Amino acid sequence: MKIAFVASDAPDAKSAMADLEKLYGNATRDEAEVVVALGGDGFMLHTLHQFMNSGTPIYGMNKGTVGFLMNEYRSEFLEERLSAALKNTIRPLHMEVEDKAGKIHHAKAINEVSLFRQSYQAASLSITTDGKQRLDTLICDGVLVATPAGSTAYNLSAHGPILPLDAPLLALTPVSPFRPRRWRGALLPSSVEVVININEPDKRPVNAVADNTEIKSAIRVSVKLETEMEVTILFDPDHSWDDRILAEQFQY
């Protein structure tokens, strides 16, 4: 099996890659049948972005801090683990942002697209889905649109729902909503386009973030699922994504 190893800058990850290269070699990215990413969830996201639409599956082993997207690190029997791994397909969100200067920005997000207040003033947002206005004024610290893959990340910290990886849904979750105080978000079909307009952008400036790409002083943000792009992520059968989702829902 032709395996390409990539590692984060963490010393443990670099050391693990050196050990694995001695055992299995290190194929080039073009010839690799599978890519093994060594690090934490942040590095895994970076690797998934890099190999989007490449057709090469990504298998992560945890050499970071959180590791929700990663498998347990073990150097032995790696080829057998890769052959037995379960495949899950991930599609990213496409974010289009118009900033205060009228410039249009584009970025992809595997986890979520988030909007955050830029100053001490709470954000004031209006939200439409497929052209129909759902909220004319949401006063909050921010709001996010999360994929199933990102539903256990910042979305969960903001008290959003956890979504199975194959669920055809997106989570629309507010961050510290003030008005309407009781609105806790919505589950949306993955086919919808969410458009968020920033009310009073001069008084209440807002930044838009797609994973690690940040656009300052947004005035309009459009979010929709990118159906023409995908990447495959691999998990060990004894610790599959579905198992992790279920376990996360029973945490207390």
C-alpha atoms as a PDB file:
ATOM      1  CA  MET A   1       0.000   0.000   0.000  1.00  0.00           C
ATOM      2  CA  LYS A   2       1.346   3.398  -0.992  1.00  0.00           C
ATOM      3  CA  ILE A   3       0.987   5.694   2.037  1.00  0.00           C
ATOM      4  CA  ALA A   4       1.843   9.399   2.233  1.00  0.00           C
ATOM      5  CA  PHE A   5       2.511  10.720   5.734  1.00  0.00           C
ATOM      6  CA  VAL A   6       1.975  14.345   6.710  1.00  0.00           C
ATOM      7  CA  ALA A   7       2.488  15.818  10.174  1.00  0.00           C
ATOM      8  CA  SER A   8       1.821  18.995  12.089  1.00  0.00           C
ATOM      9  CA  ASP A   9       4.689  21.059  13.464  1.00  0.00           C
ATOM     10  CA  ALA A  10       4.281  19.509  16.917  1.00  0.00           C
ATOM     11  CA  PRO A  11       7.435  17.601  17.968  1.00  0.00           C
ATOM     12  CA  ASP A  12       5.423  14.449  18.812  1.00  0.00           C
ATOM     13  CA  ALA A  13       3.842  14.455  15.362  1.00  0.00           C
ATOM     14  CA  LYS A  14       7.190  14.931  13.599  1.00  0.00           C
ATOM     15  CA  SER A  15       8.751  12.139  15.652  1.00  0.00           C
ATOM     16  CA  ALA A  16       5.852   9.794  14.898  1.00  0.00           C
ATOM     17  CA  MET A  17       6.163  10.494  11.163  1.00  0.00           C
ATOM     18  CA  ALA A  18       9.866   9.645  11.244  1.00  0.00           C
ATOM     19  CA  ASP A  19       9.079   6.311  12.939  1.00  0.00           C
ATOM     20  CA  LEU A  20       6.337   5.477  10.451  1.00  0.00           C
ATOM     21  CA  GLU A  21       8.508   6.372   7.450  1.00  0.00           C
ATOM     22  CA  LYS A  22      11.057   3.780   8.609  1.00  0.00           C
ATOM     23  CA  LEU A  23       8.351   1.114   8.719  1.00  0.00           C
ATOM     24  CA  TYR A  24       6.277   1.956   5.648  1.00  0.00           C
ATOM     25  CA  GLY A  25       8.232   4.435   3.545  1.00  0.00           C
ATOM     26  CA  ASN A  26       6.592   7.681   2.420  1.00  0.00           C
ATOM     27  CA  ALA A  27       4.894   7.912  -0.970  1.00  0.00           C
ATOM     28  CA  THR A  28       4.525  11.198  -2.795  1.00  0.00           C
ATOM     29  CA  ARG A  29       1.134  12.843  -2.561  1.00  0.00           C
ATOM     30  CA  ASP A  30       0.457  12.177  -6.246  1.00  0.00           C
ATOM     31  CA  GLU A  31       1.084   8.428  -6.043  1.00  0.00           C
ATOM     32  CA  ALA A  32      -0.395   7.805  -2.578  1.00  0.00           C
ATOM     33  CA  GLU A  33      -3.398   5.510  -2.168  1.00  0.00           C
ATOM     34  CA  VAL A  34      -4.068   7.023   1.244  1.00  0.00           C
ATOM     35  CA  VAL A  35      -2.768   9.951   3.296  1.00  0.00           C
ATOM     36  CA  VAL A  36      -2.073   9.504   7.005  1.00  0.00           C
ATOM     37  CA  ALA A  37      -2.248  12.794   8.912  1.00  0.00           C
ATOM     38  CA  LEU A  38      -0.471  13.044  12.274  1.00  0.00           C
ATOM     39  CA  GLY A  39      -1.554  15.827  14.624  1.00  0.00           C
ATOM     40  CA  GLY A  40      -4.765  17.162  16.120  1.00  0.00           C
ATOM     41  CA  ASP A  41      -8.126  18.206  14.734  1.00  0.00           C
ATOM     42  CA  GLY A  42      -6.799  21.548  13.478  1.00  0.00           C
ATOM     43  CA  PHE A  43      -4.149  19.839  11.380  1.00  0.00           C
ATOM     44  CA  MET A  44      -6.696  17.310  10.161  1.00  0.00           C
ATOM     45  CA  LEU A  45      -8.914  20.140   8.906  1.00  0.00           C
ATOM     46  CA  HIS A  46      -5.902  21.655   7.125  1.00  0.00           C
ATOM     47  CA  THR A  47      -5.161  18.288   5.476  1.00  0.00           C
ATOM     48  CA  LEU A  48      -8.783  17.770   4.412  1.00  0.00           C
ATOM     49  CA  HIS A  49      -8.749  21.191   2.742  1.00  0.00           C
ATOM     50  CA  GLN A  50      -5.496  20.358   0.959  1.00  0.00           C
ATOM     51  CA  PHE A  51      -6.803  17.081  -0.474  1.00  0.00           C
ATOM     52  CA  MET A  52     -10.327  18.231  -1.320  1.00  0.00           C
ATOM     53  CA  ASN A  53     -11.497  16.605  -4.580  1.00  0.00           C
ATOM     54  CA  SER A  54      -8.213  14.688  -4.913  1.00  0.00           C
ATOM     55  CA  GLY A  55      -9.891  11.279  -4.544  1.00  0.00           C
ATOM     56  CA  THR A  56      -7.285  10.319  -1.925  1.00  0.00           C
ATOM     57  CA  PRO A  57      -8.778   9.290   1.444  1.00  0.00           C
ATOM     58  CA  ILE A  58      -7.397  10.766   4.665  1.00  0.00           C
ATOM     59  CA  TYR A  59      -6.746   8.734   7.806  1.00  0.00           C
ATOM     60  CA  GLY A  60      -5.813  10.697  10.917  1.00  0.00           C
ATOM     61  CA  MET A  61      -3.867   9.492  13.949  1.00  0.00           C
ATOM     62  CA  ASN A  62      -3.931  11.612  17.063  1.00  0.00           C
ATOM     63  CA  LYS A  63      -0.746  13.424  17.948  1.00  0.00           C
ATOM     64  CA  GLY A  64      -2.486  16.602  19.090  1.00  0.00           C
ATOM     65  CA  THR A  65      -4.784  17.750  21.862  1.00  0.00           C
ATOM     66  CA  VAL A  66      -8.443  17.065  20.995  1.00  0.00           C
ATOM     67  CA  GLY A  67      -8.414  14.419  18.286  1.00  0.00           C
ATOM     68  CA  PHE A  68     -12.157  14.035  17.629  1.00  0.00           C
ATOM     69  CA  LEU A  69     -11.435  13.599  13.913  1.00  0.00           C
ATOM     70  CA  MET A  70      -8.481  11.300  14.586  1.00  0.00           C
ATOM     71  CA  ASN A  71      -7.906   7.614  15.217  1.00  0.00           C
ATOM     72  CA  GLU A  72      -5.725   6.293  18.026  1.00  0.00           C
ATOM     73  CA  TYR A  73      -2.013   6.426  17.260  1.00  0.00           C
ATOM     74  CA  ARG A  74      -0.405   3.010  16.849  1.00  0.00           C
ATOM     75  CA  SER A  75       2.523   2.292  14.558  1.00  0.00           C
ATOM     76  CA  GLU A  76       1.974  -1.448  14.168  1.00  0.00           C
ATOM     77  CA  PHE A  77      -0.393  -3.110  11.639  1.00  0.00           C
ATOM     78  CA  LEU A  78      -1.118   0.207   9.937  1.00  0.00           C
ATOM     79  CA  GLU A  79      -1.783  -1.290   6.507  1.00  0.00           C
ATOM     80  CA  GLU A  80      -4.324  -3.684   8.013  1.00  0.00           C
ATOM     81  CA  ARG A  81      -6.056  -0.819   9.807  1.00  0.00           C
ATOM     82  CA  LEU A  82      -6.203   1.221   6.619  1.00  0.00           C
ATOM     83  CA  SER A  83      -7.678  -1.687   4.653  1.00  0.00           C
ATOM     84  CA  ALA A  84     -10.397  -2.204   7.281  1.00  0.00           C
ATOM     85  CA  ALA A  85     -11.201   1.485   7.836  1.00  0.00           C
ATOM     86  CA  LEU A  86     -14.712   2.828   7.285  1.00  0.00           C
ATOM     87  CA  LYS A  87     -15.168   5.629   4.752  1.00  0.00           C
ATOM     88  CA  ASN A  88     -17.148   8.813   5.330  1.00  0.00           C
ATOM     89  CA  THR A  89     -17.626  11.560   2.741  1.00  0.00           C
ATOM     90  CA  ILE A  90     -17.405  15.202   3.792  1.00  0.00           C
ATOM     91  CA  ARG A  91     -18.584  18.156   1.707  1.00  0.00           C
ATOM     92  CA  PRO A  92     -17.596  21.709   2.621  1.00  0.00           C
ATOM     93  CA  LEU A  93     -19.614  24.890   2.897  1.00  0.00           C
ATOM     94  CA  HIS A  94     -19.023  27.708   0.441  1.00  0.00           C
ATOM     95  CA  MET A  95     -18.923  31.164   2.040  1.00  0.00           C
ATOM     96  CA  GLU A  96     -19.341  34.320  -0.027  1.00  0.00           C
ATOM     97  CA  VAL A  97     -18.781  37.595   1.807  1.00  0.00           C
ATOM     98  CA  GLU A  98     -19.320  41.159   0.699  1.00  0.00           C
ATOM     99  CA  ASP A  99     -17.260  43.485   2.869  1.00  0.00           C
ATOM    100  CA  LYS A 100     -17.793  47.129   3.724  1.00  0.00           C
ATOM    101  CA  ALA A 101     -15.661  48.236   0.757  1.00  0.00           C
ATOM    102  CA  GLY A 102     -17.825  46.237  -1.656  1.00  0.00           C
ATOM    103  CA  LYS A 103     -15.198  43.535  -2.269  1.00  0.00           C
ATOM    104  CA  ILE A 104     -16.408  39.936  -2.664  1.00  0.00           C
ATOM    105  CA  HIS A 105     -14.523  37.145  -0.867  1.00  0.00           C
ATOM    106  CA  HIS A 106     -14.900  33.346  -1.185  1.00  0.00           C
ATOM    107  CA  ALA A 107     -13.776  30.596   1.188  1.00  0.00           C
ATOM    108  CA  LYS A 108     -14.551  26.970   2.035  1.00  0.00           C
ATOM    109  CA  ALA A 109     -15.417  25.577   5.470  1.00  0.00           C
ATOM    110  CA  ILE A 110     -15.432  21.927   6.523  1.00  0.00           C
ATOM    111  CA  ASN A 111     -16.599  22.667  10.074  1.00  0.00           C
ATOM    112  CA  GLU A 112     -18.581  25.901  10.069  1.00  0.00           C
ATOM    113  CA  VAL A 113     -19.060  29.430   8.828  1.00  0.00           C
ATOM    114  CA  SER A 114     -19.242  31.817  11.787  1.00  0.00           C
ATOM    115  CA  LEU A 115     -20.087  35.483  12.186  1.00  0.00           C
ATOM    116  CA  PHE A 116     -18.783  37.339  15.243  1.00  0.00           C
ATOM    117  CA  ARG A 117     -19.188  40.844  16.570  1.00  0.00           C
ATOM    118  CA  GLN A 118     -16.061  42.902  15.961  1.00  0.00           C
ATOM    119  CA  SER A 119     -16.441  45.374  18.844  1.00  0.00           C
ATOM    120  CA  TYR A 120     -18.073  45.816  22.235  1.00  0.00           C
ATOM    121  CA  GLN A 121     -21.417  46.298  20.468  1.00  0.00           C
ATOM    122  CA  ALA A 122     -23.558  43.187  19.979  1.00  0.00           C
ATOM    123  CA  ALA A 123     -24.151  42.201  16.366  1.00  0.00           C
ATOM    124  CA  SER A 124     -27.509  42.879  14.706  1.00  0.00           C
ATOM    125  CA  LEU A 125     -28.261  40.378  11.944  1.00  0.00           C
ATOM    126  CA  SER A 126     -31.097  39.465   9.611  1.00  0.00           C
ATOM    127  CA  ILE A 127     -31.349  35.903   8.295  1.00  0.00           C
ATOM    128  CA  THR A 128     -32.997  34.498   5.157  1.00  0.00           C
ATOM    129  CA  THR A 129     -33.101  30.949   3.803  1.00  0.00           C
ATOM    130  CA  ASP A 130     -33.656  30.463   0.072  1.00  0.00           C
ATOM    131  CA  GLY A 131     -34.809  34.053  -0.207  1.00  0.00           C
ATOM    132  CA  LYS A 132     -37.384  33.911   2.602  1.00  0.00           C
ATOM    133  CA  GLN A 133     -36.709  36.076   5.626  1.00  0.00           C
ATOM    134  CA  ARG A 134     -36.700  34.101   8.862  1.00  0.00           C
ATOM    135  CA  LEU A 135     -35.394  36.705  11.334  1.00  0.00           C
ATOM    136  CA  ASP A 136     -35.333  40.425  10.635  1.00  0.00           C
ATOM    137  CA  THR A 137     -33.336  41.262  13.761  1.00  0.00           C
ATOM    138  CA  LEU A 138     -31.131  38.893  15.743  1.00  0.00           C
ATOM    139  CA  ILE A 139     -29.125  40.657  18.461  1.00  0.00           C
ATOM    140  CA  CYS A 140     -26.263  38.377  19.507  1.00  0.00           C
ATOM    141  CA  ASP A 141     -22.527  37.884  19.823  1.00  0.00           C
ATOM    142  CA  GLY A 142     -22.649  35.906  16.584  1.00  0.00           C
ATOM    143  CA  VAL A 143     -24.197  33.074  14.613  1.00  0.00           C
ATOM    144  CA  LEU A 144     -22.818  30.032  12.816  1.00  0.00           C
ATOM    145  CA  VAL A 145     -23.791  27.530  10.140  1.00  0.00           C
ATOM    146  CA  ALA A 146     -22.278  24.119  10.889  1.00  0.00           C
ATOM    147  CA  THR A 147     -21.930  20.959   8.810  1.00  0.00           C
ATOM    148  CA  PRO A 148     -22.443  17.532  10.408  1.00  0.00           C
ATOM    149  CA  ALA A 149     -18.635  17.235  10.566  1.00  0.00           C
ATOM    150  CA  GLY A 150     -18.459  20.544  12.445  1.00  0.00           C
ATOM    151  CA  SER A 151     -21.467  19.993  14.667  1.00  0.00           C
ATOM    152  CA  THR A 152     -19.320  18.603  17.490  1.00  0.00           C
ATOM    153  CA  ALA A 153     -16.872  21.521  17.354  1.00  0.00           C
ATOM    154  CA  TYR A 154     -17.713  25.179  18.038  1.00  0.00           C
ATOM    155  CA  ASN A 155     -21.378  24.498  17.270  1.00  0.00           C
ATOM    156  CA  LEU A 156     -21.607  22.148  20.256  1.00  0.00           C
ATOM    157  CA  SER A 157     -19.901  24.684  22.527  1.00  0.00           C
ATOM    158  CA  ALA A 158     -22.574  27.185  21.469  1.00  0.00           C
ATOM    159  CA  HIS A 159     -25.255  24.631  22.507  1.00  0.00           C
ATOM    160  CA  GLY A 160     -26.075  23.640  18.939  1.00  0.00           C
ATOM    161  CA  PRO A 161     -27.289  20.133  17.983  1.00  0.00           C
ATOM    162  CA  ILE A 162     -25.001  17.226  17.151  1.00  0.00           C
ATOM    163  CA  LEU A 163     -25.641  15.861  13.648  1.00  0.00           C
ATOM    164  CA  PRO A 164     -24.824  12.383  12.290  1.00  0.00           C
ATOM    165  CA  LEU A 165     -22.225  12.646   9.545  1.00  0.00           C
ATOM    166  CA  ASP A 166     -24.615  11.426   6.835  1.00  0.00           C
ATOM    167  CA  ALA A 167     -27.511  13.664   7.918  1.00  0.00           C
ATOM    168  CA  PRO A 168     -28.676  15.973   5.044  1.00  0.00           C
ATOM    169  CA  LEU A 169     -28.831  18.871   7.489  1.00  0.00           C
ATOM    170  CA  LEU A 170     -27.026  22.036   8.564  1.00  0.00           C
ATOM    171  CA  ALA A 171     -27.160  23.550  12.047  1.00  0.00           C
ATOM    172  CA  LEU A 172     -27.903  27.264  12.321  1.00  0.00           C
ATOM    173  CA  THR A 173     -26.839  28.212  15.837  1.00  0.00           C
ATOM    174  CA  PRO A 174     -26.734  31.612  17.581  1.00  0.00           C
ATOM    175  CA  VAL A 175     -23.902  32.631  19.894  1.00  0.00           C
ATOM    176  CA  SER A 176     -25.183  34.308  23.088  1.00  0.00           C
ATOM    177  CA  PRO A 177     -28.508  35.506  21.607  1.00  0.00           C
ATOM    178  CA  PHE A 178     -30.023  38.530  23.357  1.00  0.00           C
ATOM    179  CA  ARG A 179     -33.071  39.168  21.151  1.00  0.00           C
ATOM    180  CA  PRO A 180     -35.079  37.068  20.472  1.00  0.00           C
ATOM    181  CA  ARG A 181     -33.892  35.706  23.789  1.00  0.00           C
ATOM    182  CA  ARG A 182     -35.497  32.290  23.463  1.00  0.00           C
ATOM    183  CA  TRP A 183     -34.350  31.522  19.924  1.00  0.00           C
ATOM    184  CA  ARG A 184     -31.877  28.655  20.067  1.00  0.00           C
ATOM    185  CA  GLY A 185     -31.280  28.069  16.371  1.00  0.00           C
ATOM    186  CA  ALA A 186     -32.660  25.832  13.642  1.00  0.00           C
ATOM    187  CA  LEU A 187     -31.981  22.650  11.703  1.00  0.00           C
ATOM    188  CA  LEU A 188     -31.950  23.333   7.964  1.00  0.00           C
ATOM    189  CA  PRO A 189     -31.968  21.073   4.905  1.00  0.00           C
ATOM    190  CA  SER A 190     -28.456  20.952   3.485  1.00  0.00           C
ATOM    191  CA  SER A 191     -29.812  22.169   0.127  1.00  0.00           C
ATOM    192  CA  VAL A 192     -30.737  25.663   1.374  1.00  0.00           C
ATOM    193  CA  GLU A 193     -28.774  28.869   0.928  1.00  0.00           C
ATOM    194  CA  VAL A 194     -28.470  30.917   4.109  1.00  0.00           C
ATOM    195  CA  VAL A 195     -27.962  34.656   3.670  1.00  0.00           C
ATOM    196  CA  ILE A 196     -27.063  36.806   6.658  1.00  0.00           C
ATOM    197  CA  ASN A 197     -27.189  40.576   6.320  1.00  0.00           C
ATOM    198  CA  ILE A 198     -25.481  42.761   8.899  1.00  0.00           C
ATOM    199  CA  ASN A 199     -27.718  45.519  10.231  1.00  0.00           C
ATOM    200  CA  GLU A 200     -25.927  48.762  11.175  1.00  0.00           C
ATOM    201  CA  PRO A 201     -22.491  47.586   9.974  1.00  0.00           C
ATOM    202  CA  ASP A 202     -20.835  50.890  10.928  1.00  0.00           C
ATOM    203  CA  LYS A 203     -22.144  50.824  14.487  1.00  0.00           C
ATOM    204  CA  ARG A 204     -22.066  47.029  14.927  1.00  0.00           C
ATOM    205  CA  PRO A 205     -19.219  45.643  12.753  1.00  0.00           C
ATOM    206  CA  VAL A 206     -19.040  41.893  12.165  1.00  0.00           C
ATOM    207  CA  ASN A 207     -16.330  39.495  10.980  1.00  0.00           C
ATOM    208  CA  ALA A 208     -17.069  36.325   8.970  1.00  0.00           C
ATOM    209  CA  VAL A 209     -14.958  33.175   9.385  1.00  0.00           C
ATOM    210  CA  ALA A 210     -14.837  29.974   7.301  1.00  0.00           C
ATOM    211  CA  ASP A 211     -12.752  27.516   9.341  1.00  0.00           C
ATOM    212  CA  ASN A 212      -9.463  29.484   9.511  1.00  0.00           C
ATOM    213  CA  THR A 213     -10.223  32.150   6.861  1.00  0.00           C
ATOM    214  CA  GLU A 214     -11.450  35.432   8.371  1.00  0.00           C
ATOM    215  CA  ILE A 215     -12.994  38.375   6.512  1.00  0.00           C
ATOM    216  CA  LYS A 216     -13.353  41.613   8.454  1.00  0.00           C
ATOM    217  CA  SER A 217     -16.190  44.160   8.268  1.00  0.00           C
ATOM    218  CA  ALA A 218     -18.712  41.981   6.472  1.00  0.00           C
ATOM    219  CA  ILE A 219     -22.035  43.435   5.378  1.00  0.00           C
ATOM    220  CA  ARG A 220     -23.526  40.341   3.704  1.00  0.00           C
ATOM    221  CA  VAL A 221     -22.660  36.639   4.026  1.00  0.00           C
ATOM    222  CA  SER A 222     -24.037  33.802   1.901  1.00  0.00           C
ATOM    223  CA  VAL A 223     -23.554  30.159   2.943  1.00  0.00           C
ATOM    224  CA  LYS A 224     -24.431  27.011   1.012  1.00  0.00           C
ATOM    225  CA  LEU A 225     -23.194  23.441   0.758  1.00  0.00           C
ATOM    226  CA  GLU A 226     -20.611  22.878  -1.975  1.00  0.00           C
ATOM    227  CA  THR A 227     -22.070  19.848  -3.777  1.00  0.00           C
ATOM    228  CA  GLU A 228     -19.287  19.600  -6.368  1.00  0.00           C
ATOM    229  CA  MET A 229     -16.490  19.112  -3.815  1.00  0.00           C
ATOM    230  CA  GLU A 230     -15.812  16.276  -1.396  1.00  0.00           C
ATOM    231  CA  VAL A 231     -13.115  14.510   0.582  1.00  0.00           C
ATOM    232  CA  THR A 232     -13.069  11.060   2.186  1.00  0.00           C
ATOM    233  CA  ILE A 233     -12.121  10.567   5.828  1.00  0.00           C
ATOM    234  CA  LEU A 234     -11.320   7.126   7.307  1.00  0.00           C
ATOM    235  CA  PHE A 235     -12.101   5.757  10.777  1.00  0.00           C
ATOM    236  CA  ASP A 236     -11.307   2.493  12.539  1.00  0.00           C
ATOM    237  CA  PRO A 237     -14.402   0.224  12.694  1.00  0.00           C
ATOM    238  CA  ASP A 238     -14.180  -0.071  16.482  1.00  0.00           C
ATOM    239  CA  HIS A 239     -14.282   3.711  16.902  1.00  0.00           C
ATOM    240  CA  SER A 240     -16.355   4.958  13.979  1.00  0.00           C
ATOM    241  CA  TRP A 241     -17.771   8.445  13.496  1.00  0.00           C
ATOM    242  CA  ASP A 242     -21.266   7.187  14.383  1.00  0.00           C
ATOM    243  CA  ASP A 243     -19.931   5.713  17.636  1.00  0.00           C
ATOM    244  CA  ARG A 244     -18.263   9.009  18.516  1.00  0.00           C
ATOM    245  CA  ILE A 245     -21.438  10.972  17.769  1.00  0.00           C
ATOM    246  CA  LEU A 246     -23.486   8.705  20.030  1.00  0.00           C
ATOM    247  CA  ALA A 247     -20.885   8.827  22.800  1.00  0.00           C
ATOM    248  CA  GLU A 248     -20.755  12.634  22.618  1.00  0.00           C
ATOM    249  CA  GLN A 249     -24.533  12.868  23.058  1.00  0.00           C
ATOM    250  CA  PHE A 250     -24.386  10.881  26.290  1.00  0.00           C
ATOM    251  CA  GLN A 251     -21.640  12.990  27.857  1.00  0.00           C
ATOM    252  CA  TYR A 252     -22.683  14.780  31.033  1.00  0.00           C
END
